[in-house]
Amino acid sequence: MTPAIKLQYVSNEKGEVTAVQIPIEAWRSIEQKLESAEQQDWQGMSVEEIAAVEAGLRDVEQGRTVTNDSLLQRSRELRKKRA
C-alpha cells in the first residue's frame, strides 16, 4: 500500500483554496508517470501525424484558430456570394 501524500493547501484572503502543494518527491513520481503516459499516447502514430498535431497545437497557442461557428458562418457567406 502506498503511503498517503501529505498535502498543504494555499488559500487567498477570502479563505478560498487556490492551490495545493505536494512534496517534491511525490511530484517527481507523478511527473514520471505523466511522461510515460504521454509517450504511450504517441505510439502508433506516423511522423506526419505527430507533426500535424504539433502544428495544430502551435496554431492554438499563437491564436491562429477560429471557432467552428465562425468557420461555418464564413462558409455560408461564401456560398451566398457564389449563388
PDB file of N, CA and C in Angstrom:
ATOM      1  N   MET A   1       0.839  -1.191   0.000  1.00  0.00           N
ATOM      2  CA  MET A   1       0.000   0.000   0.000  1.00  0.00           C
ATOM      3  C   MET A   1       0.879   1.248   0.000  1.00  0.00           C
ATOM      4  N   THR A   2       0.532   2.221  -0.818  1.00  0.00           N
ATOM      5  CA  THR A   2       1.296   3.455  -0.943  1.00  0.00           C
ATOM      6  C   THR A   2       0.946   4.391   0.206  1.00  0.00           C
ATOM      7  N   PRO A   3       1.970   4.992   0.833  1.00  0.00           N
ATOM      8  CA  PRO A   3       1.655   5.945   1.910  1.00  0.00           C
ATOM      9  C   PRO A   3       0.945   7.177   1.349  1.00  0.00           C
ATOM     10  N   ALA A   4       0.095   7.772   2.149  1.00  0.00           N
ATOM     11  CA  ALA A   4      -0.651   8.952   1.724  1.00  0.00           C
ATOM     12  C   ALA A   4       0.295  10.130   1.519  1.00  0.00           C
ATOM     13  N   ILE A   5       0.003  10.912   0.500  1.00  0.00           N
ATOM     14  CA  ILE A   5       0.786  12.122   0.241  1.00  0.00           C
ATOM     15  C   ILE A   5       0.283  13.219   1.171  1.00  0.00           C
ATOM     16  N   LYS A   6       1.202  13.882   1.844  1.00  0.00           N
ATOM     17  CA  LYS A   6       0.816  14.975   2.736  1.00  0.00           C
ATOM     18  C   LYS A   6       0.659  16.246   1.910  1.00  0.00           C
ATOM     19  N   LEU A   7      -0.563  16.718   1.820  1.00  0.00           N
ATOM     20  CA  LEU A   7      -0.877  17.907   1.039  1.00  0.00           C
ATOM     21  C   LEU A   7      -0.907  19.135   1.924  1.00  0.00           C
ATOM     22  N   GLN A   8      -0.544  20.266   1.344  1.00  0.00           N
ATOM     23  CA  GLN A   8      -0.686  21.558   2.003  1.00  0.00           C
ATOM     24  C   GLN A   8      -1.546  22.425   1.099  1.00  0.00           C
ATOM     25  N   TYR A   9      -2.543  23.055   1.676  1.00  0.00           N
ATOM     26  CA  TYR A   9      -3.468  23.878   0.899  1.00  0.00           C
ATOM     27  C   TYR A   9      -3.114  25.350   1.065  1.00  0.00           C
ATOM     28  N   VAL A  10      -3.199  26.080  -0.036  1.00  0.00           N
ATOM     29  CA  VAL A  10      -2.931  27.518  -0.042  1.00  0.00           C
ATOM     30  C   VAL A  10      -4.264  28.215  -0.274  1.00  0.00           C
ATOM     31  N   SER A  11      -4.546  29.223   0.541  1.00  0.00           N
ATOM     32  CA  SER A  11      -5.815  29.938   0.378  1.00  0.00           C
ATOM     33  C   SER A  11      -5.559  31.433   0.220  1.00  0.00           C
ATOM     34  N   ASN A  12      -6.544  32.108  -0.369  1.00  0.00           N
ATOM     35  CA  ASN A  12      -6.434  33.548  -0.553  1.00  0.00           C
ATOM     36  C   ASN A  12      -6.985  34.277   0.669  1.00  0.00           C
ATOM     37  N   GLU A  13      -7.064  35.600   0.569  1.00  0.00           N
ATOM     38  CA  GLU A  13      -7.514  36.406   1.704  1.00  0.00           C
ATOM     39  C   GLU A  13      -8.970  36.138   2.082  1.00  0.00           C
ATOM     40  N   LYS A  14      -9.740  35.543   1.173  1.00  0.00           N
ATOM     41  CA  LYS A  14     -11.137  35.207   1.465  1.00  0.00           C
ATOM     42  C   LYS A  14     -11.278  33.815   2.072  1.00  0.00           C
ATOM     43  N   GLY A  15     -10.163  33.120   2.194  1.00  0.00           N
ATOM     44  CA  GLY A  15     -10.199  31.774   2.742  1.00  0.00           C
ATOM     45  C   GLY A  15     -10.489  30.698   1.706  1.00  0.00           C
ATOM     46  N   GLU A  16     -10.527  31.088   0.422  1.00  0.00           N
ATOM     47  CA  GLU A  16     -10.783  30.130  -0.651  1.00  0.00           C
ATOM     48  C   GLU A  16      -9.478  29.420  -1.017  1.00  0.00           C
ATOM     49  N   VAL A  17      -9.540  28.104  -1.135  1.00  0.00           N
ATOM     50  CA  VAL A  17      -8.352  27.345  -1.509  1.00  0.00           C
ATOM     51  C   VAL A  17      -8.029  27.652  -2.963  1.00  0.00           C
ATOM     52  N   THR A  18      -6.788  28.072  -3.213  1.00  0.00           N
ATOM     53  CA  THR A  18      -6.368  28.449  -4.568  1.00  0.00           C
ATOM     54  C   THR A  18      -5.274  27.552  -5.131  1.00  0.00           C
ATOM     55  N   ALA A  19      -4.661  26.735  -4.274  1.00  0.00           N
ATOM     56  CA  ALA A  19      -3.592  25.856  -4.739  1.00  0.00           C
ATOM     57  C   ALA A  19      -3.368  24.739  -3.729  1.00  0.00           C
ATOM     58  N   VAL A  20      -2.676  23.717  -4.208  1.00  0.00           N
ATOM     59  CA  VAL A  20      -2.293  22.611  -3.340  1.00  0.00           C
ATOM     60  C   VAL A  20      -0.813  22.372  -3.542  1.00  0.00           C
ATOM     61  N   GLN A  21      -0.095  22.189  -2.461  1.00  0.00           N
ATOM     62  CA  GLN A  21       1.329  21.877  -2.540  1.00  0.00           C
ATOM     63  C   GLN A  21       1.519  20.423  -2.134  1.00  0.00           C
ATOM     64  N   ILE A  22       2.416  19.739  -2.876  1.00  0.00           N
ATOM     65  CA  ILE A  22       2.748  18.361  -2.535  1.00  0.00           C
ATOM     66  C   ILE A  22       4.259  18.259  -2.390  1.00  0.00           C
ATOM     67  N   PRO A  23       4.751  17.274  -1.649  1.00  0.00           N
ATOM     68  CA  PRO A  23       6.203  17.111  -1.526  1.00  0.00           C
ATOM     69  C   PRO A  23       6.840  16.883  -2.893  1.00  0.00           C
ATOM     70  N   ILE A  24       8.061  17.369  -3.075  1.00  0.00           N
ATOM     71  CA  ILE A  24       8.743  17.298  -4.365  1.00  0.00           C
ATOM     72  C   ILE A  24       8.938  15.856  -4.816  1.00  0.00           C
ATOM     73  N   GLU A  25       9.178  14.938  -3.891  1.00  0.00           N
ATOM     74  CA  GLU A  25       9.353  13.532  -4.265  1.00  0.00           C
ATOM     75  C   GLU A  25       8.070  12.988  -4.899  1.00  0.00           C
ATOM     76  N   ALA A  26       6.931  13.356  -4.329  1.00  0.00           N
ATOM     77  CA  ALA A  26       5.649  12.918  -4.880  1.00  0.00           C
ATOM     78  C   ALA A  26       5.453  13.523  -6.269  1.00  0.00           C
ATOM     79  N   TRP A  27       5.795  14.802  -6.430  1.00  0.00           N
ATOM     80  CA  TRP A  27       5.649  15.446  -7.729  1.00  0.00           C
ATOM     81  C   TRP A  27       6.514  14.767  -8.787  1.00  0.00           C
ATOM     82  N   ARG A  28       7.754  14.448  -8.439  1.00  0.00           N
ATOM     83  CA  ARG A  28       8.648  13.806  -9.409  1.00  0.00           C
ATOM     84  C   ARG A  28       8.098  12.446  -9.846  1.00  0.00           C
ATOM     85  N   SER A  29       7.517  11.721  -8.916  1.00  0.00           N
ATOM     86  CA  SER A  29       6.901  10.431  -9.246  1.00  0.00           C
ATOM     87  C   SER A  29       5.719  10.627 -10.196  1.00  0.00           C
ATOM     88  N   ILE A  30       4.879  11.606  -9.908  1.00  0.00           N
ATOM     89  CA  ILE A  30       3.727  11.913 -10.773  1.00  0.00           C
ATOM     90  C   ILE A  30       4.207  12.337 -12.151  1.00  0.00           C
ATOM     91  N   GLU A  31       5.242  13.176 -12.186  1.00  0.00           N
ATOM     92  CA  GLU A  31       5.789  13.666 -13.446  1.00  0.00           C
ATOM     93  C   GLU A  31       6.285  12.514 -14.323  1.00  0.00           C
ATOM     94  N   GLN A  32       6.972  11.545 -13.722  1.00  0.00           N
ATOM     95  CA  GLN A  32       7.462  10.381 -14.478  1.00  0.00           C
ATOM     96  C   GLN A  32       6.299   9.589 -15.061  1.00  0.00           C
ATOM     97  N   LYS A  33       5.247   9.414 -14.273  1.00  0.00           N
ATOM     98  CA  LYS A  33       4.085   8.676 -14.760  1.00  0.00           C
ATOM     99  C   LYS A  33       3.411   9.413 -15.906  1.00  0.00           C
ATOM    100  N   LEU A  34       3.341  10.741 -15.806  1.00  0.00           N
ATOM    101  CA  LEU A  34       2.737  11.526 -16.884  1.00  0.00           C
ATOM    102  C   LEU A  34       3.555  11.435 -18.163  1.00  0.00           C
ATOM    103  N   GLU A  35       4.871  11.507 -18.039  1.00  0.00           N
ATOM    104  CA  GLU A  35       5.734  11.405 -19.219  1.00  0.00           C
ATOM    105  C   GLU A  35       5.573  10.050 -19.888  1.00  0.00           C
ATOM    106  N   SER A  36       5.486   8.998 -19.095  1.00  0.00           N
ATOM    107  CA  SER A  36       5.306   7.654 -19.628  1.00  0.00           C
ATOM    108  C   SER A  36       3.965   7.544 -20.354  1.00  0.00           C
ATOM    109  N   ALA A  37       2.918   8.099 -19.760  1.00  0.00           N
ATOM    110  CA  ALA A  37       1.588   8.068 -20.383  1.00  0.00           C
ATOM    111  C   ALA A  37       1.586   8.860 -21.678  1.00  0.00           C
ATOM    112  N   GLU A  38       2.275  10.012 -21.695  1.00  0.00           N
ATOM    113  CA  GLU A  38       2.328  10.837 -22.904  1.00  0.00           C
ATOM    114  C   GLU A  38       3.040  10.100 -24.026  1.00  0.00           C
ATOM    115  N   GLN A  39       4.110   9.403 -23.695  1.00  0.00           N
ATOM    116  CA  GLN A  39       4.828   8.636 -24.710  1.00  0.00           C
ATOM    117  C   GLN A  39       3.934   7.547 -25.288  1.00  0.00           C
ATOM    118  N   GLN A  40       3.122   6.923 -24.458  1.00  0.00           N
ATOM    119  CA  GLN A  40       2.210   5.884 -24.933  1.00  0.00           C
ATOM    120  C   GLN A  40       1.147   6.473 -25.854  1.00  0.00           C
ATOM    121  N   ASP A  41       0.728   7.719 -25.585  1.00  0.00           N
ATOM    122  CA  ASP A  41      -0.276   8.368 -26.431  1.00  0.00           C
ATOM    123  C   ASP A  41       0.215   8.508 -27.872  1.00  0.00           C
ATOM    124  N   TRP A  42       1.524   8.690 -28.062  1.00  0.00           N
ATOM    125  CA  TRP A  42       2.083   8.913 -29.393  1.00  0.00           C
ATOM    126  C   TRP A  42       2.405   7.615 -30.118  1.00  0.00           C
ATOM    127  N   GLN A  43       2.381   6.483 -29.416  1.00  0.00           N
ATOM    128  CA  GLN A  43       2.729   5.213 -30.056  1.00  0.00           C
ATOM    129  C   GLN A  43       1.745   4.879 -31.169  1.00  0.00           C
ATOM    130  N   GLY A  44       2.269   4.392 -32.261  1.00  0.00           N
ATOM    131  CA  GLY A  44       1.435   4.003 -33.382  1.00  0.00           C
ATOM    132  C   GLY A  44       1.121   5.129 -34.347  1.00  0.00           C
ATOM    133  N   MET A  45       1.535   6.344 -34.022  1.00  0.00           N
ATOM    134  CA  MET A  45       1.285   7.485 -34.913  1.00  0.00           C
ATOM    135  C   MET A  45       2.488   7.664 -35.833  1.00  0.00           C
ATOM    136  N   SER A  46       2.203   8.029 -37.060  1.00  0.00           N
ATOM    137  CA  SER A  46       3.284   8.271 -38.010  1.00  0.00           C
ATOM    138  C   SER A  46       3.937   9.621 -37.703  1.00  0.00           C
ATOM    139  N   VAL A  47       5.102   9.818 -38.260  1.00  0.00           N
ATOM    140  CA  VAL A  47       5.824  11.089 -38.093  1.00  0.00           C
ATOM    141  C   VAL A  47       4.974  12.235 -38.626  1.00  0.00           C
ATOM    142  N   GLU A  48       4.285  11.991 -39.742  1.00  0.00           N
ATOM    143  CA  GLU A  48       3.446  13.029 -40.344  1.00  0.00           C
ATOM    144  C   GLU A  48       2.271  13.395 -39.437  1.00  0.00           C
ATOM    145  N   GLU A  49       1.660  12.377 -38.815  1.00  0.00           N
ATOM    146  CA  GLU A  49       0.540  12.639 -37.904  1.00  0.00           C
ATOM    147  C   GLU A  49       0.991  13.440 -36.689  1.00  0.00           C
ATOM    148  N   ILE A  50       2.129  13.064 -36.134  1.00  0.00           N
ATOM    149  CA  ILE A  50       2.661  13.790 -34.972  1.00  0.00           C
ATOM    150  C   ILE A  50       2.965  15.228 -35.360  1.00  0.00           C
ATOM    151  N   ALA A  51       3.565  15.439 -36.533  1.00  0.00           N
ATOM    152  CA  ALA A  51       3.878  16.792 -36.998  1.00  0.00           C
ATOM    153  C   ALA A  51       2.609  17.613 -37.163  1.00  0.00           C
ATOM    154  N   ALA A  52       1.547  16.994 -37.679  1.00  0.00           N
ATOM    155  CA  ALA A  52       0.283  17.711 -37.870  1.00  0.00           C
ATOM    156  C   ALA A  52      -0.325  18.109 -36.529  1.00  0.00           C
ATOM    157  N   VAL A  53      -0.284  17.212 -35.562  1.00  0.00           N
ATOM    158  CA  VAL A  53      -0.814  17.523 -34.228  1.00  0.00           C
ATOM    159  C   VAL A  53      -0.008  18.657 -33.600  1.00  0.00           C
ATOM    160  N   GLU A  54       1.317  18.572 -33.684  1.00  0.00           N
ATOM    161  CA  GLU A  54       2.167  19.611 -33.106  1.00  0.00           C
ATOM    162  C   GLU A  54       1.939  20.962 -33.787  1.00  0.00           C
ATOM    163  N   ALA A  55       1.756  20.960 -35.100  1.00  0.00           N
ATOM    164  CA  ALA A  55       1.478  22.209 -35.822  1.00  0.00           C
ATOM    165  C   ALA A  55       0.145  22.795 -35.361  1.00  0.00           C
ATOM    166  N   GLY A  56      -0.841  21.933 -35.179  1.00  0.00           N
ATOM    167  CA  GLY A  56      -2.135  22.400 -34.686  1.00  0.00           C
ATOM    168  C   GLY A  56      -2.040  23.000 -33.296  1.00  0.00           C
ATOM    169  N   LEU A  57      -1.268  22.369 -32.432  1.00  0.00           N
ATOM    170  CA  LEU A  57      -1.091  22.903 -31.080  1.00  0.00           C
ATOM    171  C   LEU A  57      -0.401  24.264 -31.114  1.00  0.00           C
ATOM    172  N   ARG A  58       0.596  24.410 -32.004  1.00  0.00           N
ATOM    173  CA  ARG A  58       1.261  25.721 -32.151  1.00  0.00           C
ATOM    174  C   ARG A  58       0.276  26.778 -32.634  1.00  0.00           C
ATOM    175  N   ASP A  59      -0.581  26.414 -33.576  1.00  0.00           N
ATOM    176  CA  ASP A  59      -1.585  27.360 -34.064  1.00  0.00           C
ATOM    177  C   ASP A  59      -2.500  27.825 -32.933  1.00  0.00           C
ATOM    178  N   VAL A  60      -2.925  26.897 -32.104  1.00  0.00           N
ATOM    179  CA  VAL A  60      -3.787  27.248 -30.971  1.00  0.00           C
ATOM    180  C   VAL A  60      -3.044  28.174 -30.018  1.00  0.00           C
ATOM    181  N   GLU A  61      -1.810  27.830 -29.673  1.00  0.00           N
ATOM    182  CA  GLU A  61      -1.017  28.650 -28.750  1.00  0.00           C
ATOM    183  C   GLU A  61      -0.804  30.064 -29.285  1.00  0.00           C
ATOM    184  N   GLN A  62      -0.685  30.212 -30.602  1.00  0.00           N
ATOM    185  CA  GLN A  62      -0.396  31.515 -31.204  1.00  0.00           C
ATOM    186  C   GLN A  62      -1.659  32.241 -31.649  1.00  0.00           C
ATOM    187  N   GLY A  63      -2.817  31.690 -31.293  1.00  0.00           N
ATOM    188  CA  GLY A  63      -4.077  32.370 -31.587  1.00  0.00           C
ATOM    189  C   GLY A  63      -4.473  32.363 -33.048  1.00  0.00           C
ATOM    190  N   ARG A  64      -3.967  31.402 -33.804  1.00  0.00           N
ATOM    191  CA  ARG A  64      -4.274  31.336 -35.237  1.00  0.00           C
ATOM    192  C   ARG A  64      -5.395  30.346 -35.519  1.00  0.00           C
ATOM    193  N   THR A  65      -6.383  30.333 -34.662  1.00  0.00           N
ATOM    194  CA  THR A  65      -7.504  29.423 -34.860  1.00  0.00           C
ATOM    195  C   THR A  65      -8.814  30.192 -34.820  1.00  0.00           C
ATOM    196  N   VAL A  66      -9.858  29.569 -35.330  1.00  0.00           N
ATOM    197  CA  VAL A  66     -11.192  30.164 -35.296  1.00  0.00           C
ATOM    198  C   VAL A  66     -12.161  29.132 -34.740  1.00  0.00           C
ATOM    199  N   THR A  67     -13.285  29.582 -34.260  1.00  0.00           N
ATOM    200  CA  THR A  67     -14.278  28.654 -33.746  1.00  0.00           C
ATOM    201  C   THR A  67     -15.007  27.987 -34.903  1.00  0.00           C
ATOM    202  N   ASN A  68     -15.633  26.865 -34.630  1.00  0.00           N
ATOM    203  CA  ASN A  68     -16.435  26.180 -35.650  1.00  0.00           C
ATOM    204  C   ASN A  68     -17.564  27.083 -36.134  1.00  0.00           C
ATOM    205  N   ASP A  69     -18.189  27.801 -35.202  1.00  0.00           N
ATOM    206  CA  ASP A  69     -19.298  28.686 -35.577  1.00  0.00           C
ATOM    207  C   ASP A  69     -18.851  29.767 -36.569  1.00  0.00           C
ATOM    208  N   SER A  70     -17.703  30.380 -36.307  1.00  0.00           N
ATOM    209  CA  SER A  70     -17.252  31.429 -37.217  1.00  0.00           C
ATOM    210  C   SER A  70     -16.843  30.842 -38.570  1.00  0.00           C
ATOM    211  N   LEU A  71     -16.295  29.640 -38.563  1.00  0.00           N
ATOM    212  CA  LEU A  71     -15.933  28.985 -39.810  1.00  0.00           C
ATOM    213  C   LEU A  71     -17.187  28.655 -40.623  1.00  0.00           C
ATOM    214  N   LEU A  72     -18.220  28.147 -39.974  1.00  0.00           N
ATOM    215  CA  LEU A  72     -19.479  27.857 -40.671  1.00  0.00           C
ATOM    216  C   LEU A  72     -20.125  29.125 -41.211  1.00  0.00           C
ATOM    217  N   GLN A  73     -20.082  30.183 -40.428  1.00  0.00           N
ATOM    218  CA  GLN A  73     -20.649  31.456 -40.878  1.00  0.00           C
ATOM    219  C   GLN A  73     -19.924  31.960 -42.118  1.00  0.00           C
ATOM    220  N   ARG A  74     -18.604  31.888 -42.114  1.00  0.00           N
ATOM    221  CA  ARG A  74     -17.807  32.326 -43.265  1.00  0.00           C
ATOM    222  C   ARG A  74     -18.125  31.471 -44.492  1.00  0.00           C
ATOM    223  N   SER A  75     -18.293  30.163 -44.275  1.00  0.00           N
ATOM    224  CA  SER A  75     -18.640  29.261 -45.366  1.00  0.00           C
ATOM    225  C   SER A  75     -20.000  29.624 -45.968  1.00  0.00           C
ATOM    226  N   ARG A  76     -20.961  29.930 -45.126  1.00  0.00           N
ATOM    227  CA  ARG A  76     -22.291  30.323 -45.608  1.00  0.00           C
ATOM    228  C   ARG A  76     -22.213  31.608 -46.436  1.00  0.00           C
ATOM    229  N   GLU A  77     -21.421  32.555 -45.946  1.00  0.00           N
ATOM    230  CA  GLU A  77     -21.261  33.822 -46.665  1.00  0.00           C
ATOM    231  C   GLU A  77     -20.659  33.594 -48.045  1.00  0.00           C
ATOM    232  N   LEU A  78     -19.661  32.742 -48.114  1.00  0.00           N
ATOM    233  CA  LEU A  78     -19.026  32.469 -49.406  1.00  0.00           C
ATOM    234  C   LEU A  78     -19.988  31.755 -50.358  1.00  0.00           C
ATOM    235  N   ARG A  79     -20.792  30.833 -49.837  1.00  0.00           N
ATOM    236  CA  ARG A  79     -21.762  30.132 -50.681  1.00  0.00           C
ATOM    237  C   ARG A  79     -22.807  31.099 -51.225  1.00  0.00           C
ATOM    238  N   LYS A  80     -23.230  32.060 -50.414  1.00  0.00           N
ATOM    239  CA  LYS A  80     -24.224  33.041 -50.867  1.00  0.00           C
ATOM    240  C   LYS A  80     -23.649  33.891 -52.005  1.00  0.00           C
ATOM    241  N   LYS A  81     -22.371  34.267 -51.891  1.00  0.00           N
ATOM    242  CA  LYS A  81     -21.739  35.067 -52.939  1.00  0.00           C
ATOM    243  C   LYS A  81     -21.661  34.302 -54.247  1.00  0.00           C
ATOM    244  N   ARG A  82     -21.434  33.006 -54.173  1.00  0.00           N
ATOM    245  CA  ARG A  82     -21.305  32.173 -55.374  1.00  0.00           C
ATOM    246  C   ARG A  82     -22.646  31.892 -56.023  1.00  0.00           C
ATOM    247  N   ALA A  83     -23.721  31.948 -55.253  1.00  0.00           N
ATOM    248  CA  ALA A  83     -25.061  31.611 -55.782  1.00  0.00           C
ATOM    249  C   ALA A  83     -25.608  32.691 -56.694  1.00  0.00           C
TER     250      ALA A  83
END
